[in-house]
N, C-alpha and C. Protein backbone atom coordinates (compact mmCIF):
# COMPACT_ATOMS: atom_id res chain seq x y z
N MET A 1 2.75 18.73 5.67
CA MET A 1 2.09 17.73 6.80
C MET A 1 2.55 16.17 5.92
N GLY A 2 2.05 15.16 7.11
CA GLY A 2 2.97 13.74 6.97
C GLY A 2 2.00 13.29 5.92
N SER A 3 2.84 12.25 4.88
CA SER A 3 2.47 11.48 4.34
C SER A 3 1.05 10.68 4.56
N SER A 4 0.05 10.53 4.16
CA SER A 4 -1.03 9.22 4.09
C SER A 4 -0.47 8.47 4.00
N TYR A 5 0.23 7.64 3.49
CA TYR A 5 1.62 6.36 2.77
C TYR A 5 2.79 6.08 3.88
N THR A 6 2.60 4.63 4.05
CA THR A 6 4.21 4.59 4.77
C THR A 6 4.56 3.14 4.31
N VAL A 7 5.54 2.37 4.84
CA VAL A 7 6.05 1.43 3.88
C VAL A 7 6.60 0.51 5.12
N THR A 8 5.96 -0.46 4.91
CA THR A 8 6.61 -1.69 5.75
C THR A 8 7.38 -2.65 4.86
N GLU A 9 8.58 -2.25 5.30
CA GLU A 9 10.18 -2.99 4.11
C GLU A 9 10.08 -4.39 4.49
N SER A 10 10.92 -4.87 3.08
CA SER A 10 10.85 -6.19 3.52
C SER A 10 12.17 -6.36 4.03
N ASP A 11 12.52 -8.30 4.84
CA ASP A 11 13.28 -8.10 4.91
C ASP A 11 13.60 -9.62 4.78
N GLU A 12 14.79 -10.22 5.20
CA GLU A 12 14.62 -11.49 4.91
C GLU A 12 13.77 -13.00 5.01
N THR A 13 12.96 -12.44 5.56
CA THR A 13 11.74 -13.87 5.90
C THR A 13 10.75 -12.94 4.78
N ALA A 14 10.77 -11.59 4.40
CA ALA A 14 9.26 -11.63 3.41
C ALA A 14 10.19 -10.94 2.22
N TYR A 15 10.42 -11.18 1.30
CA TYR A 15 10.50 -10.98 0.19
C TYR A 15 9.18 -10.18 -0.56
N GLY A 16 9.34 -8.85 -0.11
CA GLY A 16 7.55 -8.05 -0.96
C GLY A 16 7.50 -7.23 0.40
N SER A 17 7.44 -5.51 0.22
CA SER A 17 7.54 -5.03 1.05
C SER A 17 6.39 -4.33 0.46
N LEU A 18 5.19 -3.91 1.68
CA LEU A 18 3.94 -3.44 2.17
C LEU A 18 3.85 -2.04 1.83
N ILE A 19 2.67 -1.05 0.92
CA ILE A 19 2.83 -0.36 0.46
C ILE A 19 1.57 0.59 1.61
N LEU A 20 1.21 1.29 2.28
CA LEU A 20 0.12 0.99 3.14
C LEU A 20 -0.61 2.35 2.91
N LEU A 21 -1.73 2.82 2.71
CA LEU A 21 -2.65 4.16 3.17
C LEU A 21 -3.39 4.26 4.27
N HIS A 22 -3.16 5.21 4.76
CA HIS A 22 -3.89 5.49 6.06
C HIS A 22 -3.66 4.29 7.17
N GLY A 23 -2.52 3.46 7.15
CA GLY A 23 -2.72 2.04 7.78
C GLY A 23 -3.33 0.87 7.24
N LYS A 24 -3.53 1.12 6.31
CA LYS A 24 -4.32 -0.64 5.49
C LYS A 24 -3.64 -0.79 4.50
N VAL A 25 -3.23 -2.16 4.24
CA VAL A 25 -2.00 -2.34 3.17
C VAL A 25 -3.01 -2.19 1.87
N LEU A 26 -1.65 -1.32 1.19
CA LEU A 26 -2.73 -1.15 -0.62
C LEU A 26 -2.40 -1.78 -1.36
N LEU A 27 -0.49 -1.78 -1.47
CA LEU A 27 -0.04 -2.65 -2.71
C LEU A 27 1.11 -3.47 -1.72
N ILE A 28 1.34 -4.34 -2.94
CA ILE A 28 2.62 -5.37 -2.27
C ILE A 28 3.42 -5.45 -3.09
N THR A 29 4.41 -5.05 -2.89
CA THR A 29 5.95 -5.24 -4.03
C THR A 29 5.87 -6.44 -4.46
N GLY A 30 5.50 -7.10 -5.90
CA GLY A 30 5.85 -8.37 -6.52
C GLY A 30 6.62 -8.77 -7.99
N ILE A 31 7.64 -7.97 -7.30
CA ILE A 31 9.26 -8.35 -8.48
C ILE A 31 10.09 -9.69 -7.82
N SER A 32 10.01 -9.79 -9.62
CA SER A 32 11.29 -11.39 -9.63
C SER A 32 13.14 -10.61 -8.43
N SER A 33 12.24 -10.99 -7.58
CA SER A 33 13.46 -10.33 -6.87
C SER A 33 14.06 -11.34 -5.49
N ASP A 34 14.98 -11.68 -5.17
CA ASP A 34 14.73 -12.33 -3.72
C ASP A 34 15.47 -11.87 -2.70
N HIS A 35 16.08 -10.75 -3.17
CA HIS A 35 16.71 -9.34 -2.08
C HIS A 35 15.60 -8.86 -1.68
N PRO A 36 15.62 -8.40 -0.08
CA PRO A 36 14.73 -7.49 0.03
C PRO A 36 15.11 -5.87 -0.04
N THR A 37 16.68 -6.13 -0.87
CA THR A 37 16.30 -4.35 -0.76
C THR A 37 15.89 -3.41 -2.12
N GLU A 38 15.37 -5.12 -2.81
CA GLU A 38 14.61 -4.50 -4.42
C GLU A 38 13.59 -3.63 -4.03
N HIS A 39 12.86 -4.76 -3.35
CA HIS A 39 11.55 -4.58 -3.11
C HIS A 39 11.51 -3.31 -2.20
N ASN A 40 12.26 -3.01 -1.32
CA ASN A 40 11.86 -1.54 -0.46
C ASN A 40 12.25 -0.30 -1.45
N ARG A 41 13.29 -0.42 -2.47
CA ARG A 41 13.30 0.38 -3.11
C ARG A 41 12.16 0.74 -4.05
N LEU A 42 11.69 -0.30 -4.22
CA LEU A 42 10.72 -0.25 -5.48
C LEU A 42 9.45 0.28 -4.72
N ALA A 43 9.28 0.06 -3.14
CA ALA A 43 8.10 0.43 -2.35
C ALA A 43 8.24 1.91 -2.46
N ARG A 44 9.70 2.31 -1.71
CA ARG A 44 9.59 4.30 -2.11
C ARG A 44 9.32 5.00 -3.11
N LEU A 45 9.53 4.20 -4.18
CA LEU A 45 9.63 5.03 -5.60
C LEU A 45 8.09 5.12 -5.77
N MET A 46 7.29 4.04 -5.72
CA MET A 46 5.87 4.02 -5.70
C MET A 46 5.27 4.37 -5.16
N VAL A 47 6.28 4.80 -3.81
CA VAL A 47 5.27 5.98 -2.47
C VAL A 47 5.34 7.49 -3.47
N GLY A 48 6.24 7.91 -3.49
CA GLY A 48 6.88 9.19 -4.03
C GLY A 48 5.37 9.17 -5.47
N VAL A 49 5.22 8.13 -6.61
CA VAL A 49 4.74 8.20 -7.24
C VAL A 49 3.00 9.11 -6.76
N LEU A 50 2.95 7.77 -5.91
CA LEU A 50 1.50 8.01 -5.66
C LEU A 50 1.28 9.34 -4.67
N GLU A 51 2.37 10.00 -3.81
CA GLU A 51 2.33 11.24 -3.48
C GLU A 51 2.22 12.20 -4.37
N ARG A 52 2.32 12.11 -5.40
CA ARG A 52 1.58 13.30 -6.50
C ARG A 52 0.91 13.41 -6.80
N LEU A 53 -0.68 12.57 -6.23
CA LEU A 53 -1.55 12.13 -7.16
C LEU A 53 -2.41 13.39 -6.50
N THR A 54 -3.17 13.69 -7.65
CA THR A 54 -4.04 14.82 -7.47
C THR A 54 -4.86 15.13 -6.19
N PRO A 55 -5.70 16.02 -5.50
CA PRO A 55 -6.74 15.69 -4.45
C PRO A 55 -7.92 14.46 -5.08
N THR A 56 -8.30 14.97 -6.56
CA THR A 56 -9.29 14.32 -7.37
C THR A 56 -8.82 13.04 -7.21
N GLU A 57 -7.91 12.39 -7.61
CA GLU A 57 -7.48 10.93 -7.68
C GLU A 57 -7.01 10.60 -6.71
N GLN A 58 -6.11 11.35 -5.59
CA GLN A 58 -5.88 10.86 -3.94
C GLN A 58 -7.84 10.26 -3.44
N ALA A 59 -8.60 11.27 -3.66
CA ALA A 59 -10.37 11.52 -3.18
C ALA A 59 -11.07 9.52 -3.62
N GLU A 60 -10.90 9.49 -5.05
CA GLU A 60 -10.29 8.31 -5.92
C GLU A 60 -10.78 7.10 -5.30
N LEU A 61 -9.19 7.57 -4.57
CA LEU A 61 -8.39 6.51 -4.58
C LEU A 61 -8.80 5.98 -2.50
N ASP A 62 -8.98 6.96 -1.83
CA ASP A 62 -9.38 6.66 -0.78
C ASP A 62 -11.20 6.06 -0.87
N ARG A 63 -11.82 6.68 -1.47
CA ARG A 63 -13.45 6.04 -2.24
C ARG A 63 -12.97 4.57 -2.38
N ILE A 64 -12.25 4.29 -3.12
CA ILE A 64 -12.45 2.67 -3.81
C ILE A 64 -11.53 1.97 -2.01
N VAL A 65 -10.64 2.34 -1.30
CA VAL A 65 -9.56 1.62 -0.21
C VAL A 65 -11.02 1.62 0.32
N GLY A 66 -11.76 2.37 0.52
CA GLY A 66 -12.81 2.46 2.27
C GLY A 66 -13.98 1.43 1.59
N ALA A 67 -14.56 2.03 0.32
CA ALA A 67 -15.52 0.82 -0.36
C ALA A 67 -14.74 -0.58 -0.03
N HIS A 68 -13.81 -1.22 -0.19
CA HIS A 68 -12.85 -2.39 0.05
C HIS A 68 -13.20 -2.86 1.28
N GLU A 69 -12.48 -1.90 2.35
CA GLU A 69 -12.42 -1.83 3.63
C GLU A 69 -14.17 -2.40 4.37
N ASP A 70 -14.48 -1.29 3.87
CA ASP A 70 -16.16 -1.71 4.30
C ASP A 70 -17.27 -3.02 4.04
N ARG A 71 -16.82 -3.12 2.62
CA ARG A 71 -16.91 -4.54 1.98
C ARG A 71 -16.88 -5.72 3.08
N TRP A 72 -15.05 -5.56 3.06
CA TRP A 72 -14.34 -7.08 3.68
C TRP A 72 -15.11 -6.91 5.18
N SER A 73 -15.47 -5.99 5.85
CA SER A 73 -15.76 -5.64 7.27
C SER A 73 -17.30 -6.78 6.82
N GLN A 74 -17.49 -6.00 6.55
CA GLN A 74 -19.20 -6.55 6.37
C GLN A 74 -19.45 -7.76 6.43
N GLU A 75 -18.53 -8.26 5.12
CA GLU A 75 -17.90 -10.39 4.69
C GLU A 75 -17.77 -10.69 6.49
N ALA A 76 -17.03 -9.91 6.39
CA ALA A 76 -15.86 -10.86 8.25
C ALA A 76 -16.98 -11.03 9.26
N ARG A 77 -18.46 -10.07 9.37
CA ARG A 77 -19.14 -10.22 10.38
C ARG A 77 -19.95 -11.10 10.22
N LYS A 78 -20.43 -11.19 9.04
CA LYS A 78 -21.28 -12.51 8.61
C LYS A 78 -20.60 -14.16 8.83
N GLN A 79 -19.25 -14.31 8.79
CA GLN A 79 -18.47 -14.94 9.19
C GLN A 79 -18.90 -15.68 10.42
């Protein structure tokens, strides 16, 4: 089974890697480094940790991210 997490790697134009859950941004690396390699290494390590969440923990994370997405979508429709 494939991972629910993907990484959009940092490059020379953006110092920060994006960690996505189900295609939505979950985390952005925010280390004090002006080199993309360190951001990308950190992102891959973080995904390794996230992939080890228990099913209960993953369900809670999905619930939190889903609730935020629902609220953001409702606010965007109001504007």
